[in-house]
Amino acid sequence: MIRADETGGVTRIVEKPAEPSSTFVATGWYILPADVFHACALLRLSAEGEYQLSEAVGLLMRAGYKVETVRLGERVNVNTSEDVERASELVREESGTGS
């Protein structure tokens, strides 16, 4: 679940909340700074025995990193290199940077 402000800036991200308070979801596409690895090193295992990327992103946000949402009109699975290229194309189109 993602909470965002009116500009699309992420204010909170929670992995698999029991009662989601929004309809925004993280669909698995992140562009993160290398510092995310330092944040991951600070995490503890979840109750399911996993490290949650959303917790690392939350640490970065609390440290002052800006996290923004990108809204795409089309959802693309990114299982192949062609899928990644299509998703990248959609992001470029949405951001106005062209092809």
C-alpha atoms as a PDB file:
ATOM      1  CA  MET A   1       0.000   0.000   0.000  1.00  0.00           C
ATOM      2  CA  ILE A   2       1.335   3.425  -0.940  1.00  0.00           C
ATOM      3  CA  ARG A   3       0.232   6.784   0.388  1.00  0.00           C
ATOM      4  CA  ALA A   4       1.109   9.752  -1.784  1.00  0.00           C
ATOM      5  CA  ASP A   5       0.661  13.498  -1.504  1.00  0.00           C
ATOM      6  CA  GLU A   6      -1.007  15.660  -4.151  1.00  0.00           C
ATOM      7  CA  THR A   7       2.229  15.927  -6.179  1.00  0.00           C
ATOM      8  CA  GLY A   8       2.774  12.151  -6.348  1.00  0.00           C
ATOM      9  CA  GLY A   9       5.448  12.162  -3.642  1.00  0.00           C
ATOM     10  CA  VAL A  10       5.294   9.011  -1.549  1.00  0.00           C
ATOM     11  CA  THR A  11       4.608   9.672   2.122  1.00  0.00           C
ATOM     12  CA  ARG A  12       4.342   6.053   3.269  1.00  0.00           C
ATOM     13  CA  ILE A  13       4.770   2.547   1.903  1.00  0.00           C
ATOM     14  CA  VAL A  14       3.586  -0.590   3.719  1.00  0.00           C
ATOM     15  CA  GLU A  15       4.100  -4.152   2.496  1.00  0.00           C
ATOM     16  CA  LYS A  16       0.911  -6.238   2.509  1.00  0.00           C
ATOM     17  CA  PRO A  17      -1.106  -4.295   5.118  1.00  0.00           C
ATOM     18  CA  ALA A  18      -3.940  -6.180   6.802  1.00  0.00           C
ATOM     19  CA  GLU A  19      -6.296  -3.277   6.066  1.00  0.00           C
ATOM     20  CA  PRO A  20      -5.081  -1.109   3.148  1.00  0.00           C
ATOM     21  CA  SER A  21      -6.007   2.558   3.428  1.00  0.00           C
ATOM     22  CA  SER A  22      -5.526   3.342  -0.264  1.00  0.00           C
ATOM     23  CA  THR A  23      -5.839   1.726  -3.663  1.00  0.00           C
ATOM     24  CA  PHE A  24      -2.242   2.558  -4.666  1.00  0.00           C
ATOM     25  CA  VAL A  25       0.071  -0.436  -4.848  1.00  0.00           C
ATOM     26  CA  ALA A  26       3.724  -0.986  -5.627  1.00  0.00           C
ATOM     27  CA  THR A  27       3.779  -3.173  -8.722  1.00  0.00           C
ATOM     28  CA  GLY A  28       7.423  -4.137  -8.440  1.00  0.00           C
ATOM     29  CA  TRP A  29       9.256  -1.515 -10.464  1.00  0.00           C
ATOM     30  CA  TYR A  30      11.667   0.573  -8.431  1.00  0.00           C
ATOM     31  CA  ILE A  31      14.523   2.862  -9.396  1.00  0.00           C
ATOM     32  CA  LEU A  32      16.551   3.178  -6.206  1.00  0.00           C
ATOM     33  CA  PRO A  33      19.850   4.733  -5.147  1.00  0.00           C
ATOM     34  CA  ALA A  34      22.732   2.466  -4.162  1.00  0.00           C
ATOM     35  CA  ASP A  35      22.098   3.504  -0.545  1.00  0.00           C
ATOM     36  CA  VAL A  36      19.156   1.091  -0.530  1.00  0.00           C
ATOM     37  CA  PHE A  37      21.690  -1.680   0.127  1.00  0.00           C
ATOM     38  CA  HIS A  38      22.816   0.097   3.311  1.00  0.00           C
ATOM     39  CA  ALA A  39      19.155   0.403   4.334  1.00  0.00           C
ATOM     40  CA  CYS A  40      18.602  -3.319   3.643  1.00  0.00           C
ATOM     41  CA  ALA A  41      21.539  -4.175   5.913  1.00  0.00           C
ATOM     42  CA  LEU A  42      19.660  -2.512   8.792  1.00  0.00           C
ATOM     43  CA  LEU A  43      16.500  -4.585   8.381  1.00  0.00           C
ATOM     44  CA  ARG A  44      15.284  -7.496  10.451  1.00  0.00           C
ATOM     45  CA  LEU A  45      13.456 -10.470   9.029  1.00  0.00           C
ATOM     46  CA  SER A  46       9.674 -10.106   8.850  1.00  0.00           C
ATOM     47  CA  ALA A  47       7.308 -12.549  10.541  1.00  0.00           C
ATOM     48  CA  GLU A  48       7.356 -14.491   7.248  1.00  0.00           C
ATOM     49  CA  GLY A  49      11.159 -14.744   7.388  1.00  0.00           C
ATOM     50  CA  GLU A  50      11.682 -12.217   4.590  1.00  0.00           C
ATOM     51  CA  TYR A  51      13.363  -8.860   4.224  1.00  0.00           C
ATOM     52  CA  GLN A  52      10.821  -6.319   2.989  1.00  0.00           C
ATOM     53  CA  LEU A  53      12.043  -3.868   0.349  1.00  0.00           C
ATOM     54  CA  SER A  54       9.257  -1.514   1.389  1.00  0.00           C
ATOM     55  CA  GLU A  55      10.901  -1.227   4.822  1.00  0.00           C
ATOM     56  CA  ALA A  56      14.226  -0.292   3.219  1.00  0.00           C
ATOM     57  CA  VAL A  57      12.457   2.344   1.119  1.00  0.00           C
ATOM     58  CA  GLY A  58      10.797   3.621   4.297  1.00  0.00           C
ATOM     59  CA  LEU A  59      14.218   3.983   5.933  1.00  0.00           C
ATOM     60  CA  LEU A  60      15.432   5.989   2.940  1.00  0.00           C
ATOM     61  CA  MET A  61      12.363   8.214   3.132  1.00  0.00           C
ATOM     62  CA  ARG A  62      12.941   8.862   6.842  1.00  0.00           C
ATOM     63  CA  ALA A  63      16.546   9.737   5.977  1.00  0.00           C
ATOM     64  CA  GLY A  64      15.285  12.424   3.604  1.00  0.00           C
ATOM     65  CA  TYR A  65      15.277  10.666   0.247  1.00  0.00           C
ATOM     66  CA  LYS A  66      12.455  11.743  -2.053  1.00  0.00           C
ATOM     67  CA  VAL A  67      10.313   8.888  -3.369  1.00  0.00           C
ATOM     68  CA  GLU A  68       7.810   9.529  -6.129  1.00  0.00           C
ATOM     69  CA  THR A  69       5.086   7.549  -7.831  1.00  0.00           C
ATOM     70  CA  VAL A  70       4.909   7.067 -11.579  1.00  0.00           C
ATOM     71  CA  ARG A  71       1.458   6.497 -12.986  1.00  0.00           C
ATOM     72  CA  LEU A  72       1.272   4.551 -16.192  1.00  0.00           C
ATOM     73  CA  GLY A  73      -1.823   4.101 -18.277  1.00  0.00           C
ATOM     74  CA  GLU A  74      -0.756   0.578 -19.096  1.00  0.00           C
ATOM     75  CA  ARG A  75       0.506  -2.102 -16.719  1.00  0.00           C
ATOM     76  CA  VAL A  76       3.444  -4.111 -17.989  1.00  0.00           C
ATOM     77  CA  ASN A  77       4.902  -7.266 -16.461  1.00  0.00           C
ATOM     78  CA  VAL A  78       8.684  -7.015 -16.550  1.00  0.00           C
ATOM     79  CA  ASN A  79       9.663 -10.624 -17.062  1.00  0.00           C
ATOM     80  CA  THR A  80      11.688 -10.220 -20.258  1.00  0.00           C
ATOM     81  CA  SER A  81      14.062  -7.629 -21.689  1.00  0.00           C
ATOM     82  CA  GLU A  82      11.301  -6.646 -24.135  1.00  0.00           C
ATOM     83  CA  ASP A  83       8.956  -6.045 -21.179  1.00  0.00           C
ATOM     84  CA  VAL A  84      11.562  -3.855 -19.480  1.00  0.00           C
ATOM     85  CA  GLU A  85      11.981  -1.835 -22.683  1.00  0.00           C
ATOM     86  CA  ARG A  86       8.187  -1.381 -22.996  1.00  0.00           C
ATOM     87  CA  ALA A  87       7.929  -0.276 -19.364  1.00  0.00           C
ATOM     88  CA  SER A  88      10.847   2.134 -19.872  1.00  0.00           C
ATOM     89  CA  GLU A  89       9.135   3.517 -22.970  1.00  0.00           C
ATOM     90  CA  LEU A  90       5.943   4.115 -20.989  1.00  0.00           C
ATOM     91  CA  VAL A  91       7.884   5.907 -18.238  1.00  0.00           C
ATOM     92  CA  ARG A  92       9.620   8.120 -20.815  1.00  0.00           C
ATOM     93  CA  GLU A  93       6.282   8.933 -22.449  1.00  0.00           C
ATOM     94  CA  GLU A  94       4.647   9.692 -19.101  1.00  0.00           C
ATOM     95  CA  SER A  95       7.536  11.903 -17.953  1.00  0.00           C
ATOM     96  CA  GLY A  96       7.638  13.770 -21.264  1.00  0.00           C
ATOM     97  CA  THR A  97      11.233  12.796 -22.036  1.00  0.00           C
ATOM     98  CA  GLY A  98      10.257  10.991 -25.253  1.00  0.00           C
ATOM     99  CA  SER A  99      11.833   7.917 -26.758  1.00  0.00           C
END
